[in-house]
């Protein structure tokens, strides 16, 4: 494959989530309809060092870091998963398949024994899970220019089932940049405001009764009817907007008034609503 240009963050840019790019159920028999799972690589390290002292010797080692395993339940149903027995595991997209674009990463994870699973994506800490725990679905995470997950499993004592972590149903979606001009723009604002509570003595205080998301209103301009028709037809899909401060927000679009302003140029007002916190955006 030809070399790809690295992703460049651009303000005032709108992206739309495309089709599923990678689906890895870690099935070695092809029974779970994985897609492009060979685009991902695995590398395990058998020892864990004390993260507070890089010079400290290994305090825990594992003969086997991971394997792909078929699990059969008591009712006879079965599924495949990536089992991390302990240590460090790197799970990354191979360079020749890296599209160097904006992507969305989702996965299922569990920790059935006594242990702790820590997860990083592209060097940023995502979550930690202490077992025993059942399966959970991760939030949709943002990955820019690269996809590299780092898992660390530490087991504490003896348990039944034996301490381990499991990863399954790994999904990657690519986002496509939309070709349009933003001709009007209102900076992000919160979708809710704190409610002031009056008190008989002392200071009043404020609180919120629901999550404070982000609202961005703008007008888009399209140079031809086909691109405008494609936009409104797919407006129900998930979109990402990079604002004037180059902060990414993931959310949904509500269509407003549309105008044909001549010479095949169309103007479309939209409201972009995101559950992401204002000023922080999608992570």
Foldseek 3Di string as FASTA:
>chain_A
DDAADADDQDAFWKKFWDDWDWWPQLDPVCPPPTDPPVQKDKDFDFFDDDPVDPPGDTPGGDPDQWDWDWDADPVGDIGIWIKGQFGKMKMWGDNVPQNNAKKWKKKKKAWQWAKKKWKDWPNHTQDMDGDNDDIDIGDTAIDGGITMMMMGIDHDDATVVGTIMIMGTITMIGIDIQPWDWPFWDDKDWPDDWDWADDPDDDIDTDDPDQTWIKIKTKIKDQADVSVVVCVVCQQGWMWHQHPVRAIAIFGKDWDDKDDPDNRMIMTIIMTIGSDDPPHHGD
